[in-house]
Amino acid sequence: MRAIYFMFLPLLLAILGGIIIIGYDLFLLKVQYTKLIEKGACNFTYVFSNDLLWNIEIYRNMLKDKYWTDEGFDVVQSPYEILKKGGDCDDYALLLYCVARRLGYEPHIYASFIWDKESKKIVGHAFIKVNGVRYDLGGVMNDTVLMEIRLY
């Protein structure tokens, strides 16, 4: 019976280690969002109309060649930096958060694990929610969200 416990101990430790690392990464993202928003990051955001989806469409067209994914630890950029350099989903989540706030909504930023239909893999993603609807730079999200955690 002890042999069975020792067989599963490395697996259990690996799972626990993964949970700790993911939790720490999410904590660091939450801290970055909080600092950027409280320092006035949203003051740089342009609002083009009173319709959230129309603004998303404009930003998507402005930034369509500036999307990139990263490996390792990520630093969330301000909307001003995103417009200059581009970014990834957590950067765009902050941009959309700011646009939604400027339009008078009460958005929240989420990190999640989603089932990506194209790659057939579970991937990490960041997005905003407004009145229970998920938005990313693609507009309304229809991906299958396996787990989501509110960051701001």
Protein backbone atom coordinates (compact mmCIF):
# COMPACT_ATOMS: atom_id res chain seq x y z
CA MET A 1 0.00 0.00 0.00
CA ARG A 2 2.87 2.40 0.78
CA ALA A 3 4.32 1.77 -2.66
CA ILE A 4 1.15 3.19 -4.20
CA TYR A 5 1.46 6.36 -2.12
CA PHE A 6 5.08 6.82 -3.16
CA MET A 7 4.14 6.22 -6.78
CA PHE A 8 1.63 9.07 -6.76
CA LEU A 9 3.64 11.45 -4.56
CA PRO A 10 5.72 12.95 -7.46
CA LEU A 11 2.55 13.47 -9.49
CA LEU A 12 0.83 15.12 -6.54
CA LEU A 13 3.83 17.38 -5.92
CA ALA A 14 3.97 18.35 -9.62
CA ILE A 15 0.27 19.26 -9.63
CA LEU A 16 0.64 21.24 -6.41
CA GLY A 17 3.70 23.04 -7.80
CA GLY A 18 1.79 23.92 -10.97
CA ILE A 19 -1.12 25.30 -8.97
CA ILE A 20 1.26 27.43 -6.88
CA ILE A 21 3.03 28.79 -9.98
CA ILE A 22 -0.25 29.62 -11.77
CA GLY A 23 -1.61 31.24 -8.60
CA TYR A 24 1.52 33.36 -8.23
CA ASP A 25 1.37 34.44 -11.90
CA LEU A 26 -2.28 35.46 -11.48
CA PHE A 27 -1.42 37.37 -8.30
CA LEU A 28 1.32 39.28 -10.16
CA LEU A 29 -1.11 40.09 -13.01
CA LYS A 30 -3.64 41.37 -10.47
CA VAL A 31 -0.99 43.60 -8.88
CA GLN A 32 0.03 45.00 -12.28
CA TYR A 33 -3.56 45.77 -13.29
CA THR A 34 -4.22 47.47 -9.96
CA LYS A 35 -1.10 49.64 -10.21
CA LEU A 36 -1.72 50.67 -13.82
CA ILE A 37 -5.39 51.52 -13.29
CA GLU A 38 -4.77 53.40 -10.05
CA LYS A 39 -1.97 55.41 -11.71
CA GLY A 40 -4.39 56.62 -14.37
CA ALA A 41 -3.60 54.29 -17.28
CA CYS A 42 -7.13 54.82 -18.61
CA ASN A 43 -6.49 58.52 -19.17
CA PHE A 44 -4.66 57.65 -22.42
CA THR A 45 -7.55 55.74 -23.95
CA TYR A 46 -9.48 57.16 -26.89
CA VAL A 47 -13.21 56.51 -27.20
CA PHE A 48 -14.53 56.71 -30.75
CA SER A 49 -18.27 56.25 -30.21
CA ASN A 50 -20.81 55.40 -27.51
CA ASP A 51 -20.98 51.74 -28.59
CA LEU A 52 -18.55 49.32 -26.93
CA LEU A 53 -18.50 46.87 -29.87
CA TRP A 54 -17.86 49.70 -32.34
CA ASN A 55 -14.87 50.84 -30.26
CA ILE A 56 -13.57 47.25 -30.12
CA GLU A 57 -13.84 47.05 -33.92
CA ILE A 58 -11.87 50.29 -34.36
CA TYR A 59 -9.13 49.19 -31.97
CA ARG A 60 -8.97 45.75 -33.58
CA ASN A 61 -8.41 47.39 -36.98
CA MET A 62 -5.82 49.77 -35.54
CA LEU A 63 -3.89 46.96 -33.86
CA LYS A 64 -4.50 43.99 -36.19
CA ASP A 65 -0.83 43.52 -37.08
CA LYS A 66 0.42 44.20 -33.57
CA TYR A 67 -0.81 41.14 -31.68
CA TRP A 68 1.82 38.85 -30.23
CA THR A 69 2.02 36.13 -27.62
CA ASP A 70 4.78 35.84 -25.13
CA GLU A 71 6.61 33.17 -23.23
CA GLY A 72 7.37 33.38 -19.54
CA PHE A 73 6.56 36.25 -17.22
CA ASP A 74 4.45 38.98 -18.76
CA VAL A 75 4.31 42.69 -18.04
CA VAL A 76 0.97 44.38 -18.66
CA GLN A 77 1.39 47.53 -20.75
CA SER A 78 -0.59 50.73 -20.53
CA PRO A 79 -3.09 51.49 -23.34
CA TYR A 80 -0.71 54.18 -24.60
CA GLU A 81 2.11 51.62 -24.94
CA ILE A 82 -0.24 49.13 -26.59
CA LEU A 83 -1.13 51.64 -29.30
CA LYS A 84 2.57 52.19 -30.01
CA LYS A 85 3.90 48.62 -29.78
CA GLY A 86 0.95 46.22 -29.72
CA GLY A 87 0.57 43.50 -27.14
CA ASP A 88 -1.18 40.33 -26.12
CA CYS A 89 -4.50 39.47 -24.52
CA ASP A 90 -3.75 40.82 -21.04
CA ASP A 91 -2.65 44.14 -22.55
CA TYR A 92 -5.78 44.35 -24.68
CA ALA A 93 -7.94 43.43 -21.69
CA LEU A 94 -6.67 46.58 -19.95
CA LEU A 95 -7.32 48.66 -23.07
CA LEU A 96 -10.90 47.36 -23.33
CA TYR A 97 -11.40 47.84 -19.59
CA CYS A 98 -10.45 51.52 -19.99
CA VAL A 99 -12.72 51.99 -23.02
CA ALA A 100 -15.66 50.40 -21.18
CA ARG A 101 -15.03 52.58 -18.12
CA ARG A 102 -14.92 55.73 -20.27
CA LEU A 103 -18.29 54.70 -21.74
CA GLY A 104 -19.79 54.47 -18.24
CA TYR A 105 -19.80 50.67 -17.81
CA GLU A 106 -18.47 48.76 -14.81
CA PRO A 107 -16.16 46.21 -16.47
CA HIS A 108 -14.05 43.60 -14.72
CA ILE A 109 -10.83 42.01 -15.96
CA TYR A 110 -10.61 38.21 -15.91
CA ALA A 111 -7.91 35.64 -16.52
CA SER A 112 -9.11 32.27 -17.73
CA PHE A 113 -8.36 28.93 -19.24
CA ILE A 114 -10.33 28.39 -22.43
CA TRP A 115 -10.70 25.58 -24.93
CA ASP A 116 -9.24 26.94 -28.18
CA LYS A 117 -11.27 25.37 -30.98
CA GLU A 118 -8.61 26.05 -33.64
CA SER A 119 -5.58 24.55 -31.87
CA LYS A 120 -7.66 22.02 -29.89
CA LYS A 121 -5.75 23.00 -26.73
CA ILE A 122 -6.41 24.58 -23.37
CA VAL A 123 -4.87 28.06 -23.36
CA GLY A 124 -4.67 30.98 -20.96
CA HIS A 125 -6.54 34.13 -21.94
CA ALA A 126 -7.46 37.53 -20.49
CA PHE A 127 -10.65 39.43 -21.24
CA ILE A 128 -13.19 41.79 -19.73
CA LYS A 129 -16.76 41.20 -18.65
CA VAL A 130 -19.45 43.85 -18.91
CA ASN A 131 -22.86 42.97 -17.49
CA GLY A 132 -21.92 39.28 -17.60
CA VAL A 133 -20.85 39.31 -21.28
CA ARG A 134 -17.23 38.41 -22.12
CA TYR A 135 -15.33 40.67 -24.53
CA ASP A 136 -11.85 40.56 -25.99
CA LEU A 137 -10.37 42.32 -29.01
CA GLY A 138 -12.34 39.92 -31.21
CA GLY A 139 -15.63 41.24 -29.81
CA VAL A 140 -18.00 38.99 -27.85
CA MET A 141 -16.21 35.79 -26.83
CA ASN A 142 -17.88 32.50 -27.66
CA ASP A 143 -15.04 30.19 -26.59
CA THR A 144 -15.66 27.57 -23.95
CA VAL A 145 -14.27 28.98 -20.70
CA LEU A 146 -13.09 26.17 -18.41
CA MET A 147 -12.12 28.40 -15.48
CA GLU A 148 -12.08 32.14 -14.93
CA ILE A 149 -10.69 34.30 -12.15
CA ARG A 150 -11.56 37.95 -11.65
CA LEU A 151 -8.40 40.04 -11.47
CA TYR A 152 -9.81 43.58 -11.23
